[in-house]
Every structure is written in structure tokens, then in C-alpha cells.
Amino acid sequence: MLGKLKALFTFDHIIKIVIALSLVCIAQGVNANPLSGTIGIGTDNIFRGNSLLHDGSNRSLSGALNWDSDFGLHANLNVSEVDFGDGSADHQFMGILGFAKALSDDLTLGVAYMEHGFRGSHDWDNIKEIKLHGKFHGVKFAHHLGQDDAKDYSELGYDLLGFGLTYGIAEDHGHHYAIAKHIALTDMIHLKAGWVSFFADDNSLAEDEDSLFVSFNYHF
């Protein structure tokens, strides 16, 4: 049974789901709730401070579907292109099911189950996490509890003068700083540009890196 469920998380299946639900959203209207989504293209694919494009790749297609209920339950499905330079992976996927609630005007708390991983020629294992997150007086915070042998990850974020500032730290891997600017060119077409600096831990196999990225996204 588990093998059958894991087999569903192939890029072809996810794309079919994204396209099907996208058509449903568009048919209901671009402002339809509770479903929404994005389709985008960017110069890089950055995940927790690290670029997932190597070997001269400079383009990543991505898609996302979001479902949000009035009572706080939400689900997200994301898929994007990656290139590690060795052919071991073609795409990254991420699925999230969670609950979040505003306790006051200044405090929101939530919890979610996350599963993410890669698909390609290599037989990748999915990474499972429990995400504890919230927002307090504009400061966004999240702590990802890695399940099984997965490592923990923590992140802080704040919007200042129209820029999104982020600091993240991955257990036994490294930490990063990021700054990004989001611009709505139209109601449906948005641009995002930013800079990320990653600093690897001394005992990590990763290397320090700086990444500049620009992406265009269509929101429906």
C-alpha cells in the first residue's frame, strides 16, 4: 500500500493533478476559493538557502496548488525542476497538510505535516517533517521537526520597507540569509527577485554559496 502511495508522487502524476485542479480553479474564476495556485519560471530554484540548479542550469519551472478552508485547515502541493548535474534528480515535490489559526490580531499559530523529496533516476527517500509555525507582531517563525533520520530546520522572517528578510538554519548543514522583493505587475502576474547567502557548517559536505534569482509567477 505504501509503495502504491509513493508511486503517485511522480512528476507526471503531480503535473496531471496540477493541470486538472488548475482548470477547475480557472473555470470557477481567478478569485475562486478555497483553491488557488501558481505557475512560474525562475532563474534558480533555491531551497533553504541552497541552489538546486547545477551544471550551468539557469531555469526552473514550478507549479503549486493551495487549498485553504475558512476554519484553518490547509493543504499545499508544489513541484519544481531541479538539476544536480549528475542526472540523479529532475524534480522536487512537496506536500503539506496543516492547520493554522489567528488567536489575535498579532498572533497566529499553526502545525503541519510535510513530506518532500526528489524524483529522477535515483531512488530517493521522501523526507518527513512536522512543522510548527506562526506569526507574532509581523515576525514569522517556523521550526521543522525532522522525522526518522531527517534533520531539523528553523526559520525567521520579517517584512521591512517592502522587502522580505529571512534567516534560516539547518541542523548539521548550515545557515543562510535572504532578502527578496515581491512586485505585483498585474493581479495575476507577479515578479520576485532576491539574494541568498548560504554558509556551510564546518562538518558539512555543503559549500558556501551566493545566489541571485528572479522569477515570474502566474497566480490563479
C-alpha atoms as a PDB file:
ATOM      1  CA  MET A   1       0.000   0.000   0.000  1.00  0.00           C
ATOM      2  CA  LEU A   2       2.786   2.419   0.949  1.00  0.00           C
ATOM      3  CA  GLY A   3       4.581   1.622  -2.298  1.00  0.00           C
ATOM      4  CA  LYS A   4       1.455   2.456  -4.301  1.00  0.00           C
ATOM      5  CA  LEU A   5       1.047   5.776  -2.499  1.00  0.00           C
ATOM      6  CA  LYS A   6       4.723   6.644  -3.047  1.00  0.00           C
ATOM      7  CA  ALA A   7       4.352   5.809  -6.731  1.00  0.00           C
ATOM      8  CA  LEU A   8       1.715   8.532  -7.002  1.00  0.00           C
ATOM      9  CA  PHE A   9       4.374  11.154  -6.264  1.00  0.00           C
ATOM     10  CA  THR A  10       5.912  11.073  -9.703  1.00  0.00           C
ATOM     11  CA  PHE A  11       6.335  14.239 -11.698  1.00  0.00           C
ATOM     12  CA  ASP A  12       3.900  13.059 -14.384  1.00  0.00           C
ATOM     13  CA  HIS A  13       1.171  12.338 -11.844  1.00  0.00           C
ATOM     14  CA  ILE A  14       1.718  15.596  -9.984  1.00  0.00           C
ATOM     15  CA  ILE A  15       1.646  17.624 -13.191  1.00  0.00           C
ATOM     16  CA  LYS A  16      -1.643  15.932 -14.184  1.00  0.00           C
ATOM     17  CA  ILE A  17      -3.114  16.830 -10.792  1.00  0.00           C
ATOM     18  CA  VAL A  18      -1.826  20.410 -11.045  1.00  0.00           C
ATOM     19  CA  ILE A  19      -3.272  20.848 -14.539  1.00  0.00           C
ATOM     20  CA  ALA A  20      -6.627  19.296 -13.631  1.00  0.00           C
ATOM     21  CA  LEU A  21      -7.117  21.367 -10.491  1.00  0.00           C
ATOM     22  CA  SER A  22      -5.796  24.472 -12.255  1.00  0.00           C
ATOM     23  CA  LEU A  23      -8.524  24.111 -14.867  1.00  0.00           C
ATOM     24  CA  VAL A  24     -11.086  23.775 -12.086  1.00  0.00           C
ATOM     25  CA  CYS A  25      -9.802  26.955 -10.430  1.00  0.00           C
ATOM     26  CA  ILE A  26      -9.745  28.904 -13.692  1.00  0.00           C
ATOM     27  CA  ALA A  27     -13.249  27.672 -14.573  1.00  0.00           C
ATOM     28  CA  GLN A  28     -14.525  28.988 -11.248  1.00  0.00           C
ATOM     29  CA  GLY A  29     -12.760  32.315 -11.728  1.00  0.00           C
ATOM     30  CA  VAL A  30      -9.333  33.627 -10.781  1.00  0.00           C
ATOM     31  CA  ASN A  31     -10.593  34.693  -7.337  1.00  0.00           C
ATOM     32  CA  ALA A  32     -12.216  31.337  -6.589  1.00  0.00           C
ATOM     33  CA  ASN A  33     -11.842  29.962  -3.084  1.00  0.00           C
ATOM     34  CA  PRO A  34     -10.708  27.790  -1.460  1.00  0.00           C
ATOM     35  CA  LEU A  35      -8.460  26.660  -4.355  1.00  0.00           C
ATOM     36  CA  SER A  36      -5.646  28.792  -5.734  1.00  0.00           C
ATOM     37  CA  GLY A  37      -2.277  28.219  -7.330  1.00  0.00           C
ATOM     38  CA  THR A  38       0.728  29.460  -9.265  1.00  0.00           C
ATOM     39  CA  ILE A  39       2.676  28.501 -12.354  1.00  0.00           C
ATOM     40  CA  GLY A  40       6.123  30.074 -12.630  1.00  0.00           C
ATOM     41  CA  ILE A  41       9.563  30.202 -14.161  1.00  0.00           C
ATOM     42  CA  GLY A  42      12.704  31.362 -12.382  1.00  0.00           C
ATOM     43  CA  THR A  43      16.421  31.733 -12.916  1.00  0.00           C
ATOM     44  CA  ASP A  44      17.107  29.493  -9.905  1.00  0.00           C
ATOM     45  CA  ASN A  45      15.432  27.058  -7.540  1.00  0.00           C
ATOM     46  CA  ILE A  46      16.557  27.817  -4.003  1.00  0.00           C
ATOM     47  CA  PHE A  47      15.568  25.562  -1.132  1.00  0.00           C
ATOM     48  CA  ARG A  48      16.549  26.558   2.407  1.00  0.00           C
ATOM     49  CA  GLY A  49      19.473  28.620   1.178  1.00  0.00           C
ATOM     50  CA  ASN A  50      20.854  26.140  -1.358  1.00  0.00           C
ATOM     51  CA  SER A  51      20.539  26.319  -5.125  1.00  0.00           C
ATOM     52  CA  LEU A  52      19.037  23.163  -6.621  1.00  0.00           C
ATOM     53  CA  LEU A  53      20.343  24.011 -10.092  1.00  0.00           C
ATOM     54  CA  HIS A  54      23.866  22.982 -11.049  1.00  0.00           C
ATOM     55  CA  ASP A  55      25.881  22.194 -14.151  1.00  0.00           C
ATOM     56  CA  GLY A  56      25.064  25.511 -15.833  1.00  0.00           C
ATOM     57  CA  SER A  57      21.274  25.249 -15.470  1.00  0.00           C
ATOM     58  CA  ASN A  58      19.645  28.669 -15.234  1.00  0.00           C
ATOM     59  CA  ARG A  59      15.917  27.954 -15.491  1.00  0.00           C
ATOM     60  CA  SER A  60      13.407  26.192 -13.297  1.00  0.00           C
ATOM     61  CA  LEU A  61       9.710  25.687 -13.987  1.00  0.00           C
ATOM     62  CA  SER A  62       7.417  25.331 -10.992  1.00  0.00           C
ATOM     63  CA  GLY A  63       3.783  24.834 -10.090  1.00  0.00           C
ATOM     64  CA  ALA A  64       1.788  24.988  -6.875  1.00  0.00           C
ATOM     65  CA  LEU A  65      -1.747  24.305  -5.721  1.00  0.00           C
ATOM     66  CA  ASN A  66      -3.178  25.609  -2.464  1.00  0.00           C
ATOM     67  CA  TRP A  67      -6.382  24.748  -0.635  1.00  0.00           C
ATOM     68  CA  ASP A  68      -7.443  26.895   2.325  1.00  0.00           C
ATOM     69  CA  SER A  69     -10.582  26.421   4.411  1.00  0.00           C
ATOM     70  CA  ASP A  70     -12.381  29.061   6.426  1.00  0.00           C
ATOM     71  CA  PHE A  71     -11.711  27.134   9.643  1.00  0.00           C
ATOM     72  CA  GLY A  72      -7.908  26.968   9.289  1.00  0.00           C
ATOM     73  CA  LEU A  73      -7.240  23.630   7.595  1.00  0.00           C
ATOM     74  CA  HIS A  74      -4.983  23.954   4.542  1.00  0.00           C
ATOM     75  CA  ALA A  75      -3.169  21.781   2.016  1.00  0.00           C
ATOM     76  CA  ASN A  76      -0.407  22.602  -0.459  1.00  0.00           C
ATOM     77  CA  LEU A  77       1.224  20.732  -3.322  1.00  0.00           C
ATOM     78  CA  ASN A  78       4.374  22.083  -5.004  1.00  0.00           C
ATOM     79  CA  VAL A  79       6.582  20.723  -7.778  1.00  0.00           C
ATOM     80  CA  SER A  80       9.650  22.305  -9.399  1.00  0.00           C
ATOM     81  CA  GLU A  81      12.552  21.453 -11.670  1.00  0.00           C
ATOM     82  CA  VAL A  82      15.990  20.666 -10.214  1.00  0.00           C
ATOM     83  CA  ASP A  83      19.343  19.716 -11.732  1.00  0.00           C
ATOM     84  CA  PHE A  84      22.144  18.372  -9.541  1.00  0.00           C
ATOM     85  CA  GLY A  85      24.422  17.938 -12.545  1.00  0.00           C
ATOM     86  CA  ASP A  86      24.572  14.151 -12.259  1.00  0.00           C
ATOM     87  CA  GLY A  87      21.133  13.181 -13.579  1.00  0.00           C
ATOM     88  CA  SER A  88      20.053  11.802 -10.191  1.00  0.00           C
ATOM     89  CA  ALA A  89      17.030  14.109  -9.901  1.00  0.00           C
ATOM     90  CA  ASP A  90      14.800  16.046 -12.274  1.00  0.00           C
ATOM     91  CA  HIS A  91      12.125  17.431  -9.983  1.00  0.00           C
ATOM     92  CA  GLN A  92      11.419  18.303  -6.392  1.00  0.00           C
ATOM     93  CA  PHE A  93       7.965  17.902  -4.852  1.00  0.00           C
ATOM     94  CA  MET A  94       6.475  18.999  -1.554  1.00  0.00           C
ATOM     95  CA  GLY A  95       3.138  18.168   0.036  1.00  0.00           C
ATOM     96  CA  ILE A  96       1.759  19.901   3.138  1.00  0.00           C
ATOM     97  CA  LEU A  97      -1.338  19.324   5.252  1.00  0.00           C
ATOM     98  CA  GLY A  98      -1.817  21.588   8.232  1.00  0.00           C
ATOM     99  CA  PHE A  99      -3.921  23.769  10.477  1.00  0.00           C
ATOM    100  CA  ALA A 100      -3.365  27.422  11.396  1.00  0.00           C
ATOM    101  CA  LYS A 101      -5.459  29.837  13.414  1.00  0.00           C
ATOM    102  CA  ALA A 102      -5.255  33.531  14.249  1.00  0.00           C
ATOM    103  CA  LEU A 103      -5.520  33.765  18.031  1.00  0.00           C
ATOM    104  CA  SER A 104      -5.469  37.567  17.940  1.00  0.00           C
ATOM    105  CA  ASP A 105      -4.621  40.412  15.566  1.00  0.00           C
ATOM    106  CA  ASP A 106      -0.939  39.961  16.443  1.00  0.00           C
ATOM    107  CA  LEU A 107      -0.583  36.195  16.917  1.00  0.00           C
ATOM    108  CA  THR A 108      -1.131  33.266  14.554  1.00  0.00           C
ATOM    109  CA  LEU A 109      -0.082  29.693  15.353  1.00  0.00           C
ATOM    110  CA  GLY A 110      -0.110  26.558  13.237  1.00  0.00           C
ATOM    111  CA  VAL A 111       1.075  22.984  12.838  1.00  0.00           C
ATOM    112  CA  ALA A 112       1.538  20.962   9.658  1.00  0.00           C
ATOM    113  CA  TYR A 113       2.759  17.629   8.342  1.00  0.00           C
ATOM    114  CA  MET A 114       5.185  17.947   5.426  1.00  0.00           C
ATOM    115  CA  GLU A 115       6.654  15.454   3.024  1.00  0.00           C
ATOM    116  CA  HIS A 116       9.136  16.407   0.336  1.00  0.00           C
ATOM    117  CA  GLY A 117      11.727  14.802  -1.872  1.00  0.00           C
ATOM    118  CA  PHE A 118      13.135  14.385  -5.354  1.00  0.00           C
ATOM    119  CA  ARG A 119      12.287  12.319  -8.392  1.00  0.00           C
ATOM    120  CA  GLY A 120      14.706  11.182 -11.087  1.00  0.00           C
ATOM    121  CA  SER A 121      16.974   8.281 -11.975  1.00  0.00           C
ATOM    122  CA  HIS A 122      17.996   7.803  -8.318  1.00  0.00           C
ATOM    123  CA  ASP A 123      15.653   6.087  -5.844  1.00  0.00           C
ATOM    124  CA  TRP A 124      15.217   8.979  -3.415  1.00  0.00           C
ATOM    125  CA  ASP A 125      13.610   8.580   0.013  1.00  0.00           C
ATOM    126  CA  ASN A 126      10.976  11.143   0.974  1.00  0.00           C
ATOM    127  CA  ILE A 127      11.753  13.473   3.884  1.00  0.00           C
ATOM    128  CA  LYS A 128       9.019  13.800   6.515  1.00  0.00           C
ATOM    129  CA  GLU A 129       8.682  16.735   8.897  1.00  0.00           C
ATOM    130  CA  ILE A 130       6.344  18.210  11.491  1.00  0.00           C
ATOM    131  CA  LYS A 131       6.225  21.986  11.057  1.00  0.00           C
ATOM    132  CA  LEU A 132       5.428  24.282  13.997  1.00  0.00           C
ATOM    133  CA  HIS A 133       4.946  27.825  12.783  1.00  0.00           C
ATOM    134  CA  GLY A 134       3.334  31.167  13.455  1.00  0.00           C
ATOM    135  CA  LYS A 135       3.479  34.931  13.237  1.00  0.00           C
ATOM    136  CA  PHE A 136       3.846  37.367  16.124  1.00  0.00           C
ATOM    137  CA  HIS A 137       3.735  41.146  15.605  1.00  0.00           C
ATOM    138  CA  GLY A 138       4.834  40.672  11.989  1.00  0.00           C
ATOM    139  CA  VAL A 139       7.682  38.251  12.750  1.00  0.00           C
ATOM    140  CA  LYS A 140       7.195  34.889  11.016  1.00  0.00           C
ATOM    141  CA  PHE A 141       8.757  31.835  12.659  1.00  0.00           C
ATOM    142  CA  ALA A 142       8.877  28.123  11.866  1.00  0.00           C
ATOM    143  CA  HIS A 143      10.570  25.050  13.252  1.00  0.00           C
ATOM    144  CA  HIS A 144      10.615  21.809  11.249  1.00  0.00           C
ATOM    145  CA  LEU A 145      10.995  18.666  13.320  1.00  0.00           C
ATOM    146  CA  GLY A 146      12.661  16.071  11.116  1.00  0.00           C
ATOM    147  CA  GLN A 147      11.112  12.624  11.395  1.00  0.00           C
ATOM    148  CA  ASP A 148      13.051   9.359  11.348  1.00  0.00           C
ATOM    149  CA  ASP A 149      16.636  10.373  10.488  1.00  0.00           C
ATOM    150  CA  ALA A 150      15.792  13.778   8.975  1.00  0.00           C
ATOM    151  CA  LYS A 151      17.451  16.845  10.490  1.00  0.00           C
ATOM    152  CA  ASP A 152      15.639  19.839  11.990  1.00  0.00           C
ATOM    153  CA  TYR A 153      15.302  23.210  10.282  1.00  0.00           C
ATOM    154  CA  SER A 154      14.330  26.624  11.713  1.00  0.00           C
ATOM    155  CA  GLU A 155      13.480  29.912  10.023  1.00  0.00           C
ATOM    156  CA  LEU A 156      12.649  33.524  10.913  1.00  0.00           C
ATOM    157  CA  GLY A 157      11.166  36.074   8.543  1.00  0.00           C
ATOM    158  CA  TYR A 158      10.144  39.730   8.602  1.00  0.00           C
ATOM    159  CA  ASP A 159       8.923  42.265   6.038  1.00  0.00           C
ATOM    160  CA  LEU A 160      10.764  45.583   6.213  1.00  0.00           C
ATOM    161  CA  LEU A 161      10.275  48.539   3.850  1.00  0.00           C
ATOM    162  CA  GLY A 162       8.703  46.271   1.254  1.00  0.00           C
ATOM    163  CA  PHE A 163      11.482  43.658   1.383  1.00  0.00           C
ATOM    164  CA  GLY A 164      11.202  40.157   2.807  1.00  0.00           C
ATOM    165  CA  LEU A 165      14.075  39.289   5.155  1.00  0.00           C
ATOM    166  CA  THR A 166      14.765  35.657   6.086  1.00  0.00           C
ATOM    167  CA  TYR A 167      17.220  33.792   8.290  1.00  0.00           C
ATOM    168  CA  GLY A 168      17.281  30.006   8.254  1.00  0.00           C
ATOM    169  CA  ILE A 169      19.413  27.373   9.955  1.00  0.00           C
ATOM    170  CA  ALA A 170      19.574  23.678   9.032  1.00  0.00           C
ATOM    171  CA  GLU A 171      20.884  21.214  11.599  1.00  0.00           C
ATOM    172  CA  ASP A 172      24.393  19.908  10.771  1.00  0.00           C
ATOM    173  CA  HIS A 173      24.253  21.630   7.385  1.00  0.00           C
ATOM    174  CA  GLY A 174      24.497  25.418   7.546  1.00  0.00           C
ATOM    175  CA  HIS A 175      22.619  28.701   7.750  1.00  0.00           C
ATOM    176  CA  HIS A 176      21.562  31.384   5.303  1.00  0.00           C
ATOM    177  CA  TYR A 177      20.385  34.965   4.975  1.00  0.00           C
ATOM    178  CA  ALA A 178      17.983  36.088   2.265  1.00  0.00           C
ATOM    179  CA  ILE A 179      16.393  39.283   1.025  1.00  0.00           C
ATOM    180  CA  ALA A 180      13.671  39.399  -1.602  1.00  0.00           C
ATOM    181  CA  LYS A 181      11.304  41.864  -3.247  1.00  0.00           C
ATOM    182  CA  HIS A 182       7.859  40.883  -4.483  1.00  0.00           C
ATOM    183  CA  ILE A 183       6.137  43.037  -7.109  1.00  0.00           C
ATOM    184  CA  ALA A 184       2.617  42.525  -8.484  1.00  0.00           C
ATOM    185  CA  LEU A 185       2.885  43.523 -12.151  1.00  0.00           C
ATOM    186  CA  THR A 186      -0.819  42.727 -12.608  1.00  0.00           C
ATOM    187  CA  ASP A 187      -3.416  40.981 -10.472  1.00  0.00           C
ATOM    188  CA  MET A 188      -2.239  37.623 -11.823  1.00  0.00           C
ATOM    189  CA  ILE A 189       1.400  38.132 -12.891  1.00  0.00           C
ATOM    190  CA  HIS A 190       3.938  38.692 -10.133  1.00  0.00           C
ATOM    191  CA  LEU A 191       7.707  39.205 -10.146  1.00  0.00           C
ATOM    192  CA  LYS A 192      10.051  38.196  -7.340  1.00  0.00           C
ATOM    193  CA  ALA A 193      13.769  38.981  -7.125  1.00  0.00           C
ATOM    194  CA  GLY A 194      16.231  38.336  -4.350  1.00  0.00           C
ATOM    195  CA  TRP A 195      19.623  37.390  -2.995  1.00  0.00           C
ATOM    196  CA  VAL A 196      20.584  34.452  -0.761  1.00  0.00           C
ATOM    197  CA  SER A 197      23.874  33.843   1.061  1.00  0.00           C
ATOM    198  CA  PHE A 198      24.470  30.343   2.444  1.00  0.00           C
ATOM    199  CA  PHE A 199      27.216  29.454   4.928  1.00  0.00           C
ATOM    200  CA  ALA A 200      28.007  25.765   5.338  1.00  0.00           C
ATOM    201  CA  ASP A 201      28.872  24.201   8.687  1.00  0.00           C
ATOM    202  CA  ASP A 202      32.475  23.053   9.097  1.00  0.00           C
ATOM    203  CA  ASN A 203      31.417  19.397   9.313  1.00  0.00           C
ATOM    204  CA  SER A 204      29.006  19.653   6.373  1.00  0.00           C
ATOM    205  CA  LEU A 205      29.636  18.384   2.854  1.00  0.00           C
ATOM    206  CA  ALA A 206      27.995  21.551   1.516  1.00  0.00           C
ATOM    207  CA  GLU A 207      29.894  24.651   0.375  1.00  0.00           C
ATOM    208  CA  ASP A 208      29.285  28.347   0.917  1.00  0.00           C
ATOM    209  CA  GLU A 209      27.315  29.890  -1.926  1.00  0.00           C
ATOM    210  CA  ASP A 210      25.605  33.101  -3.015  1.00  0.00           C
ATOM    211  CA  SER A 211      22.558  33.058  -5.280  1.00  0.00           C
ATOM    212  CA  LEU A 212      20.771  35.823  -7.155  1.00  0.00           C
ATOM    213  CA  PHE A 213      17.358  34.898  -8.514  1.00  0.00           C
ATOM    214  CA  VAL A 214      14.431  36.346 -10.475  1.00  0.00           C
ATOM    215  CA  SER A 215      11.092  34.609 -11.022  1.00  0.00           C
ATOM    216  CA  PHE A 216       7.812  35.330 -12.784  1.00  0.00           C
ATOM    217  CA  ASN A 217       4.652  33.673 -11.495  1.00  0.00           C
ATOM    218  CA  TYR A 218       1.100  33.482 -12.796  1.00  0.00           C
ATOM    219  CA  HIS A 219      -1.435  33.384  -9.958  1.00  0.00           C
ATOM    220  CA  PHE A 220      -4.889  31.883 -10.416  1.00  0.00           C
END
